[in-house]
C-alpha atoms as a PDB file:
ATOM      1  CA  UNK A   1     -11.877  61.771   3.035  1.00  0.00           C
ATOM      2  CA  UNK A   2     -11.156  62.020   6.747  1.00  0.00           C
ATOM      3  CA  UNK A   3      -8.876  59.373   8.253  1.00  0.00           C
ATOM      4  CA  UNK A   4     -10.742  56.682  10.126  1.00  0.00           C
ATOM      5  CA  UNK A   5     -14.148  57.832   8.876  1.00  0.00           C
ATOM      6  CA  UNK A   6     -16.698  55.221   7.995  1.00  0.00           C
ATOM      7  CA  UNK A   7     -18.658  55.475   4.732  1.00  0.00           C
ATOM      8  CA  UNK A   8     -22.003  53.726   4.732  1.00  0.00           C
ATOM      9  CA  UNK A   9     -22.349  51.087   1.919  1.00  0.00           C
ATOM     10  CA  UNK A  10     -25.463  52.817   0.592  1.00  0.00           C
ATOM     11  CA  UNK A  11     -23.263  55.741  -0.454  1.00  0.00           C
ATOM     12  CA  UNK A  12     -21.297  53.437  -2.747  1.00  0.00           C
ATOM     13  CA  UNK A  13     -24.544  52.166  -4.340  1.00  0.00           C
ATOM     14  CA  UNK A  14     -25.686  55.718  -4.951  1.00  0.00           C
ATOM     15  CA  UNK A  15     -22.356  56.643  -6.539  1.00  0.00           C
ATOM     16  CA  UNK A  16     -22.558  53.517  -8.718  1.00  0.00           C
ATOM     17  CA  UNK A  17     -25.974  54.550 -10.009  1.00  0.00           C
ATOM     18  CA  UNK A  18     -24.706  58.011 -10.871  1.00  0.00           C
ATOM     19  CA  UNK A  19     -21.749  56.550 -12.736  1.00  0.00           C
ATOM     20  CA  UNK A  20     -23.945  54.158 -14.724  1.00  0.00           C
ATOM     21  CA  UNK A  21     -26.724  56.540 -15.722  1.00  0.00           C
ATOM     22  CA  UNK A  22     -24.888  58.403 -18.555  1.00  0.00           C
ATOM     23  CA  UNK A  23     -24.482  55.187 -20.580  1.00  0.00           C
ATOM     24  CA  UNK A  24     -28.178  54.432 -20.844  1.00  0.00           C
ATOM     25  CA  UNK A  25     -29.696  57.062 -23.073  1.00  0.00           C
ATOM     26  CA  UNK A  26     -32.300  59.772 -22.601  1.00  0.00           C
ATOM     27  CA  UNK A  27     -34.965  58.838 -20.084  1.00  0.00           C
ATOM     28  CA  UNK A  28     -38.685  58.875 -20.745  1.00  0.00           C
ATOM     29  CA  UNK A  29     -40.736  61.518 -18.994  1.00  0.00           C
ATOM     30  CA  UNK A  30     -43.076  59.095 -17.200  1.00  0.00           C
ATOM     31  CA  UNK A  31     -40.330  56.894 -15.771  1.00  0.00           C
ATOM     32  CA  UNK A  32     -38.067  57.192 -12.709  1.00  0.00           C
ATOM     33  CA  UNK A  33     -34.518  55.986 -12.134  1.00  0.00           C
ATOM     34  CA  UNK A  34     -33.980  52.358 -11.075  1.00  0.00           C
ATOM     35  CA  UNK A  35     -32.183  51.301  -7.941  1.00  0.00           C
ATOM     36  CA  UNK A  36     -28.409  51.188  -8.185  1.00  0.00           C
ATOM     37  CA  UNK A  37     -26.541  47.915  -7.897  1.00  0.00           C
ATOM     38  CA  UNK A  38     -23.931  46.072  -9.847  1.00  0.00           C
ATOM     39  CA  UNK A  39     -20.743  47.849 -10.817  1.00  0.00           C
ATOM     40  CA  UNK A  40     -20.172  48.709 -14.440  1.00  0.00           C
ATOM     41  CA  UNK A  41     -17.381  46.139 -14.572  1.00  0.00           C
ATOM     42  CA  UNK A  42     -19.593  43.337 -15.836  1.00  0.00           C
ATOM     43  CA  UNK A  43     -21.160  45.593 -18.414  1.00  0.00           C
ATOM     44  CA  UNK A  44     -17.743  46.617 -19.721  1.00  0.00           C
ATOM     45  CA  UNK A  45     -16.962  43.014 -20.678  1.00  0.00           C
ATOM     46  CA  UNK A  46     -19.875  42.914 -23.083  1.00  0.00           C
ATOM     47  CA  UNK A  47     -20.189  44.695 -26.479  1.00  0.00           C
ATOM     48  CA  UNK A  48     -19.534  48.425 -26.200  1.00  0.00           C
ATOM     49  CA  UNK A  49     -22.091  51.097 -27.069  1.00  0.00           C
ATOM     50  CA  UNK A  50     -21.770  52.935 -30.378  1.00  0.00           C
ATOM     51  CA  UNK A  51     -22.651  56.245 -28.769  1.00  0.00           C
ATOM     52  CA  UNK A  52     -22.853  57.473 -25.187  1.00  0.00           C
ATOM     53  CA  UNK A  53     -26.100  58.829 -23.891  1.00  0.00           C
ATOM     54  CA  UNK A  54     -27.636  60.173 -20.691  1.00  0.00           C
ATOM     55  CA  UNK A  55     -29.933  58.500 -18.064  1.00  0.00           C
ATOM     56  CA  UNK A  56     -31.451  55.275 -16.886  1.00  0.00           C
ATOM     57  CA  UNK A  57     -35.071  54.249 -16.594  1.00  0.00           C
ATOM     58  CA  UNK A  58     -37.161  53.116 -13.660  1.00  0.00           C
ATOM     59  CA  UNK A  59     -37.803  50.067 -11.602  1.00  0.00           C
ATOM     60  CA  UNK A  60     -40.941  48.183 -12.614  1.00  0.00           C
ATOM     61  CA  UNK A  61     -44.201  48.459 -10.799  1.00  0.00           C
ATOM     62  CA  UNK A  62     -46.890  45.830 -11.164  1.00  0.00           C
ATOM     63  CA  UNK A  63     -50.312  46.650 -12.541  1.00  0.00           C
ATOM     64  CA  UNK A  64     -53.497  44.583 -12.396  1.00  0.00           C
ATOM     65  CA  UNK A  65     -54.597  42.431 -15.291  1.00  0.00           C
ATOM     66  CA  UNK A  66     -55.782  44.412 -18.319  1.00  0.00           C
ATOM     67  CA  UNK A  67     -57.746  43.486 -21.423  1.00  0.00           C
ATOM     68  CA  UNK A  68     -55.570  41.825 -24.051  1.00  0.00           C
ATOM     69  CA  UNK A  69     -54.992  43.724 -27.279  1.00  0.00           C
ATOM     70  CA  UNK A  70     -54.211  42.341 -30.722  1.00  0.00           C
ATOM     71  CA  UNK A  71     -50.469  42.381 -31.371  1.00  0.00           C
ATOM     72  CA  UNK A  72     -49.610  44.608 -34.362  1.00  0.00           C
ATOM     73  CA  UNK A  73     -48.228  42.517 -37.209  1.00  0.00           C
ATOM     74  CA  UNK A  74     -44.809  43.365 -38.614  1.00  0.00           C
ATOM     75  CA  UNK A  75     -42.230  42.143 -41.083  1.00  0.00           C
ATOM     76  CA  UNK A  76     -38.621  42.981 -40.267  1.00  0.00           C
ATOM     77  CA  UNK A  77     -35.234  41.768 -41.521  1.00  0.00           C
ATOM     78  CA  UNK A  78     -32.910  39.827 -39.260  1.00  0.00           C
ATOM     79  CA  UNK A  79     -29.153  40.332 -39.230  1.00  0.00           C
ATOM     80  CA  UNK A  80     -28.782  38.021 -42.228  1.00  0.00           C
ATOM     81  CA  UNK A  81     -31.398  39.867 -44.270  1.00  0.00           C
ATOM     82  CA  UNK A  82     -34.120  37.268 -43.856  1.00  0.00           C
ATOM     83  CA  UNK A  83     -37.620  38.785 -43.520  1.00  0.00           C
ATOM     84  CA  UNK A  84     -39.452  37.663 -40.390  1.00  0.00           C
ATOM     85  CA  UNK A  85     -43.199  38.250 -39.938  1.00  0.00           C
ATOM     86  CA  UNK A  86     -45.093  37.992 -36.674  1.00  0.00           C
ATOM     87  CA  UNK A  87     -48.106  36.584 -38.529  1.00  0.00           C
ATOM     88  CA  UNK A  88     -46.101  33.501 -39.499  1.00  0.00           C
ATOM     89  CA  UNK A  89     -46.113  32.451 -35.818  1.00  0.00           C
ATOM     90  CA  UNK A  90     -49.871  32.623 -35.319  1.00  0.00           C
ATOM     91  CA  UNK A  91     -50.954  29.782 -33.041  1.00  0.00           C
ATOM     92  CA  UNK A  92     -47.716  29.966 -31.034  1.00  0.00           C
ATOM     93  CA  UNK A  93     -46.725  31.919 -27.947  1.00  0.00           C
ATOM     94  CA  UNK A  94     -44.280  34.678 -28.887  1.00  0.00           C
ATOM     95  CA  UNK A  95     -41.956  36.770 -26.715  1.00  0.00           C
ATOM     96  CA  UNK A  96     -40.702  40.098 -28.077  1.00  0.00           C
ATOM     97  CA  UNK A  97     -37.596  41.577 -26.440  1.00  0.00           C
ATOM     98  CA  UNK A  98     -36.666  45.160 -27.259  1.00  0.00           C
ATOM     99  CA  UNK A  99     -32.920  45.098 -27.647  1.00  0.00           C
ATOM    100  CA  UNK A 100     -29.906  47.451 -27.520  1.00  0.00           C
ATOM    101  CA  UNK A 101     -26.471  45.816 -27.132  1.00  0.00           C
ATOM    102  CA  UNK A 102     -25.012  49.107 -25.923  1.00  0.00           C
ATOM    103  CA  UNK A 103     -27.423  49.490 -23.010  1.00  0.00           C
ATOM    104  CA  UNK A 104     -25.935  48.526 -19.593  1.00  0.00           C
ATOM    105  CA  UNK A 105     -29.275  47.001 -18.520  1.00  0.00           C
ATOM    106  CA  UNK A 106     -29.319  44.773 -21.609  1.00  0.00           C
ATOM    107  CA  UNK A 107     -25.653  43.880 -21.188  1.00  0.00           C
ATOM    108  CA  UNK A 108     -26.222  42.865 -17.569  1.00  0.00           C
ATOM    109  CA  UNK A 109     -29.370  40.882 -18.396  1.00  0.00           C
ATOM    110  CA  UNK A 110     -27.620  38.926 -21.139  1.00  0.00           C
ATOM    111  CA  UNK A 111     -24.178  38.703 -19.558  1.00  0.00           C
ATOM    112  CA  UNK A 112     -25.048  37.418 -16.109  1.00  0.00           C
ATOM    113  CA  UNK A 113     -28.695  38.242 -15.528  1.00  0.00           C
ATOM    114  CA  UNK A 114     -32.030  36.608 -16.376  1.00  0.00           C
ATOM    115  CA  UNK A 115     -31.702  36.797 -20.178  1.00  0.00           C
ATOM    116  CA  UNK A 116     -28.523  34.706 -20.173  1.00  0.00           C
ATOM    117  CA  UNK A 117     -30.516  31.449 -20.415  1.00  0.00           C
ATOM    118  CA  UNK A 118     -34.178  32.469 -20.399  1.00  0.00           C
ATOM    119  CA  UNK A 119     -34.830  32.353 -24.144  1.00  0.00           C
ATOM    120  CA  UNK A 120     -33.096  28.990 -24.473  1.00  0.00           C
ATOM    121  CA  UNK A 121     -35.289  27.584 -21.709  1.00  0.00           C
ATOM    122  CA  UNK A 122     -38.516  28.600 -23.422  1.00  0.00           C
ATOM    123  CA  UNK A 123     -37.636  28.119 -27.089  1.00  0.00           C
ATOM    124  CA  UNK A 124     -36.913  24.493 -26.126  1.00  0.00           C
ATOM    125  CA  UNK A 125     -40.614  24.346 -25.178  1.00  0.00           C
ATOM    126  CA  UNK A 126     -41.722  25.638 -28.580  1.00  0.00           C
ATOM    127  CA  UNK A 127     -42.086  29.312 -27.672  1.00  0.00           C
ATOM    128  CA  UNK A 128     -40.919  31.826 -30.271  1.00  0.00           C
ATOM    129  CA  UNK A 129     -38.484  34.487 -29.018  1.00  0.00           C
ATOM    130  CA  UNK A 130     -37.580  37.529 -31.097  1.00  0.00           C
ATOM    131  CA  UNK A 131     -35.305  40.474 -30.258  1.00  0.00           C
ATOM    132  CA  UNK A 132     -36.106  43.810 -31.921  1.00  0.00           C
ATOM    133  CA  UNK A 133     -33.665  46.725 -32.196  1.00  0.00           C
ATOM    134  CA  UNK A 134     -35.573  49.950 -32.945  1.00  0.00           C
ATOM    135  CA  UNK A 135     -32.654  52.338 -32.435  1.00  0.00           C
ATOM    136  CA  UNK A 136     -32.047  54.680 -35.336  1.00  0.00           C
ATOM    137  CA  UNK A 137     -28.814  54.834 -37.360  1.00  0.00           C
ATOM    138  CA  UNK A 138     -26.066  56.694 -35.522  1.00  0.00           C
ATOM    139  CA  UNK A 139     -27.532  56.038 -32.080  1.00  0.00           C
ATOM    140  CA  UNK A 140     -26.402  53.747 -29.248  1.00  0.00           C
ATOM    141  CA  UNK A 141     -26.731  50.062 -30.076  1.00  0.00           C
ATOM    142  CA  UNK A 142     -27.424  50.496 -33.799  1.00  0.00           C
ATOM    143  CA  UNK A 143     -25.381  48.761 -36.477  1.00  0.00           C
ATOM    144  CA  UNK A 144     -25.324  45.247 -37.907  1.00  0.00           C
ATOM    145  CA  UNK A 145     -21.762  44.425 -36.834  1.00  0.00           C
ATOM    146  CA  UNK A 146     -22.330  45.471 -33.231  1.00  0.00           C
ATOM    147  CA  UNK A 147     -25.499  43.392 -33.067  1.00  0.00           C
ATOM    148  CA  UNK A 148     -23.798  40.398 -34.670  1.00  0.00           C
ATOM    149  CA  UNK A 149     -21.046  40.592 -32.076  1.00  0.00           C
ATOM    150  CA  UNK A 150     -23.627  40.747 -29.289  1.00  0.00           C
ATOM    151  CA  UNK A 151     -25.440  37.750 -30.730  1.00  0.00           C
ATOM    152  CA  UNK A 152     -22.178  35.784 -30.784  1.00  0.00           C
ATOM    153  CA  UNK A 153     -20.888  36.952 -27.376  1.00  0.00           C
ATOM    154  CA  UNK A 154     -24.187  36.174 -25.666  1.00  0.00           C
ATOM    155  CA  UNK A 155     -24.858  32.978 -27.632  1.00  0.00           C
ATOM    156  CA  UNK A 156     -28.273  34.259 -28.734  1.00  0.00           C
ATOM    157  CA  UNK A 157     -29.908  31.509 -30.745  1.00  0.00           C
ATOM    158  CA  UNK A 158     -32.936  33.602 -31.690  1.00  0.00           C
ATOM    159  CA  UNK A 159     -33.211  36.356 -34.332  1.00  0.00           C
ATOM    160  CA  UNK A 160     -32.345  40.016 -33.763  1.00  0.00           C
ATOM    161  CA  UNK A 161     -34.687  42.005 -36.001  1.00  0.00           C
ATOM    162  CA  UNK A 162     -33.786  45.460 -37.254  1.00  0.00           C
ATOM    163  CA  UNK A 163     -36.411  48.240 -37.001  1.00  0.00           C
ATOM    164  CA  UNK A 164     -34.301  51.314 -37.836  1.00  0.00           C
ATOM    165  CA  UNK A 165     -37.297  53.422 -38.862  1.00  0.00           C
ATOM    166  CA  UNK A 166     -38.931  52.580 -35.537  1.00  0.00           C
ATOM    167  CA  UNK A 167     -42.372  51.806 -36.976  1.00  0.00           C
ATOM    168  CA  UNK A 168     -42.689  48.496 -35.139  1.00  0.00           C
ATOM    169  CA  UNK A 169     -41.370  49.860 -31.869  1.00  0.00           C
ATOM    170  CA  UNK A 170     -43.835  52.748 -31.977  1.00  0.00           C
ATOM    171  CA  UNK A 171     -46.715  50.446 -32.906  1.00  0.00           C
ATOM    172  CA  UNK A 172     -46.026  48.507 -29.695  1.00  0.00           C
ATOM    173  CA  UNK A 173     -45.285  51.589 -27.610  1.00  0.00           C
ATOM    174  CA  UNK A 174     -41.814  50.209 -26.840  1.00  0.00           C
ATOM    175  CA  UNK A 175     -39.953  52.728 -24.684  1.00  0.00           C
ATOM    176  CA  UNK A 176     -37.107  50.916 -22.941  1.00  0.00           C
ATOM    177  CA  UNK A 177     -34.522  48.202 -23.402  1.00  0.00           C
ATOM    178  CA  UNK A 178     -34.937  45.542 -22.326  1.00  0.00           C
ATOM    179  CA  UNK A 179     -38.683  45.917 -22.836  1.00  0.00           C
ATOM    180  CA  UNK A 180     -40.722  42.727 -22.961  1.00  0.00           C
ATOM    181  CA  UNK A 181     -43.979  41.607 -24.602  1.00  0.00           C
ATOM    182  CA  UNK A 182     -45.722  38.237 -24.415  1.00  0.00           C
ATOM    183  CA  UNK A 183     -48.162  37.362 -27.195  1.00  0.00           C
ATOM    184  CA  UNK A 184     -50.468  34.396 -26.753  1.00  0.00           C
ATOM    185  CA  UNK A 185     -51.392  31.857 -29.479  1.00  0.00           C
ATOM    186  CA  UNK A 186     -54.478  33.933 -30.363  1.00  0.00           C
ATOM    187  CA  UNK A 187     -52.208  36.825 -31.317  1.00  0.00           C
ATOM    188  CA  UNK A 188     -53.038  38.998 -28.307  1.00  0.00           C
ATOM    189  CA  UNK A 189     -50.592  40.880 -26.086  1.00  0.00           C
ATOM    190  CA  UNK A 190     -51.084  39.403 -22.643  1.00  0.00           C
ATOM    191  CA  UNK A 191     -48.070  41.023 -20.984  1.00  0.00           C
ATOM    192  CA  UNK A 192     -46.018  44.151 -21.620  1.00  0.00           C
ATOM    193  CA  UNK A 193     -43.387  45.881 -19.535  1.00  0.00           C
ATOM    194  CA  UNK A 194     -40.303  44.990 -17.524  1.00  0.00           C
ATOM    195  CA  UNK A 195     -38.396  41.732 -17.589  1.00  0.00           C
ATOM    196  CA  UNK A 196     -38.498  41.554 -13.792  1.00  0.00           C
ATOM    197  CA  UNK A 197     -38.545  43.707 -10.667  1.00  0.00           C
ATOM    198  CA  UNK A 198     -34.765  43.633 -10.191  1.00  0.00           C
ATOM    199  CA  UNK A 199     -32.937  46.082 -12.492  1.00  0.00           C
ATOM    200  CA  UNK A 200     -29.253  45.178 -12.751  1.00  0.00           C
ATOM    201  CA  UNK A 201     -29.840  42.349 -10.285  1.00  0.00           C
ATOM    202  CA  UNK A 202     -30.939  44.609  -7.437  1.00  0.00           C
ATOM    203  CA  UNK A 203     -33.542  42.378  -5.789  1.00  0.00           C
ATOM    204  CA  UNK A 204     -36.130  44.227  -3.651  1.00  0.00           C
ATOM    205  CA  UNK A 205     -36.955  43.147  -0.117  1.00  0.00           C
ATOM    206  CA  UNK A 206     -40.079  41.289  -1.223  1.00  0.00           C
ATOM    207  CA  UNK A 207     -37.987  39.030  -3.484  1.00  0.00           C
ATOM    208  CA  UNK A 208     -37.378  38.783  -7.200  1.00  0.00           C
ATOM    209  CA  UNK A 209     -40.266  38.362  -9.624  1.00  0.00           C
ATOM    210  CA  UNK A 210     -39.719  37.535 -13.302  1.00  0.00           C
ATOM    211  CA  UNK A 211     -42.852  38.937 -14.916  1.00  0.00           C
ATOM    212  CA  UNK A 212     -42.164  37.263 -18.267  1.00  0.00           C
ATOM    213  CA  UNK A 213     -41.884  33.811 -16.745  1.00  0.00           C
ATOM    214  CA  UNK A 214     -45.060  34.312 -14.749  1.00  0.00           C
ATOM    215  CA  UNK A 215     -46.910  35.413 -17.885  1.00  0.00           C
ATOM    216  CA  UNK A 216     -45.638  32.430 -19.858  1.00  0.00           C
ATOM    217  CA  UNK A 217     -46.689  30.067 -17.091  1.00  0.00           C
ATOM    218  CA  UNK A 218     -50.205  31.498 -17.133  1.00  0.00           C
ATOM    219  CA  UNK A 219     -50.455  31.199 -20.917  1.00  0.00           C
ATOM    220  CA  UNK A 220     -49.242  27.599 -20.797  1.00  0.00           C
ATOM    221  CA  UNK A 221     -51.849  26.796 -18.132  1.00  0.00           C
ATOM    222  CA  UNK A 222     -54.622  28.497 -20.095  1.00  0.00           C
ATOM    223  CA  UNK A 223     -55.143  31.062 -17.334  1.00  0.00           C
ATOM    224  CA  UNK A 224     -55.361  34.873 -17.490  1.00  0.00           C
ATOM    225  CA  UNK A 225     -52.076  36.657 -16.853  1.00  0.00           C
ATOM    226  CA  UNK A 226     -52.377  38.117 -13.373  1.00  0.00           C
ATOM    227  CA  UNK A 227     -49.958  41.006 -13.908  1.00  0.00           C
ATOM    228  CA  UNK A 228     -50.512  42.085 -17.510  1.00  0.00           C
ATOM    229  CA  UNK A 229     -48.510  45.306 -17.493  1.00  0.00           C
ATOM    230  CA  UNK A 230     -45.596  46.837 -15.595  1.00  0.00           C
ATOM    231  CA  UNK A 231     -43.414  49.893 -16.131  1.00  0.00           C
ATOM    232  CA  UNK A 232     -40.313  48.915 -18.036  1.00  0.00           C
ATOM    233  CA  UNK A 233     -36.816  50.001 -16.986  1.00  0.00           C
ATOM    234  CA  UNK A 234     -33.530  50.333 -18.820  1.00  0.00           C
ATOM    235  CA  UNK A 235     -32.382  52.630 -21.601  1.00  0.00           C
ATOM    236  CA  UNK A 236     -34.728  54.619 -23.798  1.00  0.00           C
ATOM    237  CA  UNK A 237     -35.436  53.374 -27.300  1.00  0.00           C
ATOM    238  CA  UNK A 238     -33.728  55.928 -29.548  1.00  0.00           C
ATOM    239  CA  UNK A 239     -36.192  56.478 -32.369  1.00  0.00           C
ATOM    240  CA  UNK A 240     -35.224  58.218 -35.582  1.00  0.00           C
ATOM    241  CA  UNK A 241     -37.460  61.218 -34.914  1.00  0.00           C
ATOM    242  CA  UNK A 242     -36.307  61.744 -31.320  1.00  0.00           C
END
């Protein structure tokens, strides 16, 4: 670097994004890279990934309200071997969070981002919150011990369900972690997509929007969810066949 030269701050953000991308996993073809922000330092303090992988996913974009679809039922084991069925929560609002403790986007969201306290806030109101890990054996974020450590480190009071064969993830079309779904008391998916519009805490000029909170507020008020679908961002779900 030349002496006395000035490097614009945006260059550092770009370099940070390039450094972070390899940890996230293969990207999906219909998604673009998210804006760069936080350094990887905060992510490093959280549980480490079991396997490195290539490329990050996109920033979310809002879509207009869509017709609700019935949420596919499933029965999956939690980390203690207990079988958990979606149908057992019929009549309640349920949030599904696609989970990968090795993904930098998940580590940020749970370590210092919106997921640090979000589930606690809403489970106290009677809402059911379930994390689902659909990553196949041998891929980033898979493994009972790694997930138990994440649950402990992030004080997660809700179940982490294991979907190693990926059947549940594919039934929901889950593509990224963290990927979010809100299911209303009638058993219909009223929101699917990104947690918010600020990957890794990079808030856009129009301000931060937490899509999950807005959807939950609409359900609680008995109103249609205004933004029913967004593009998720984060790391790709690493299915067994991919």
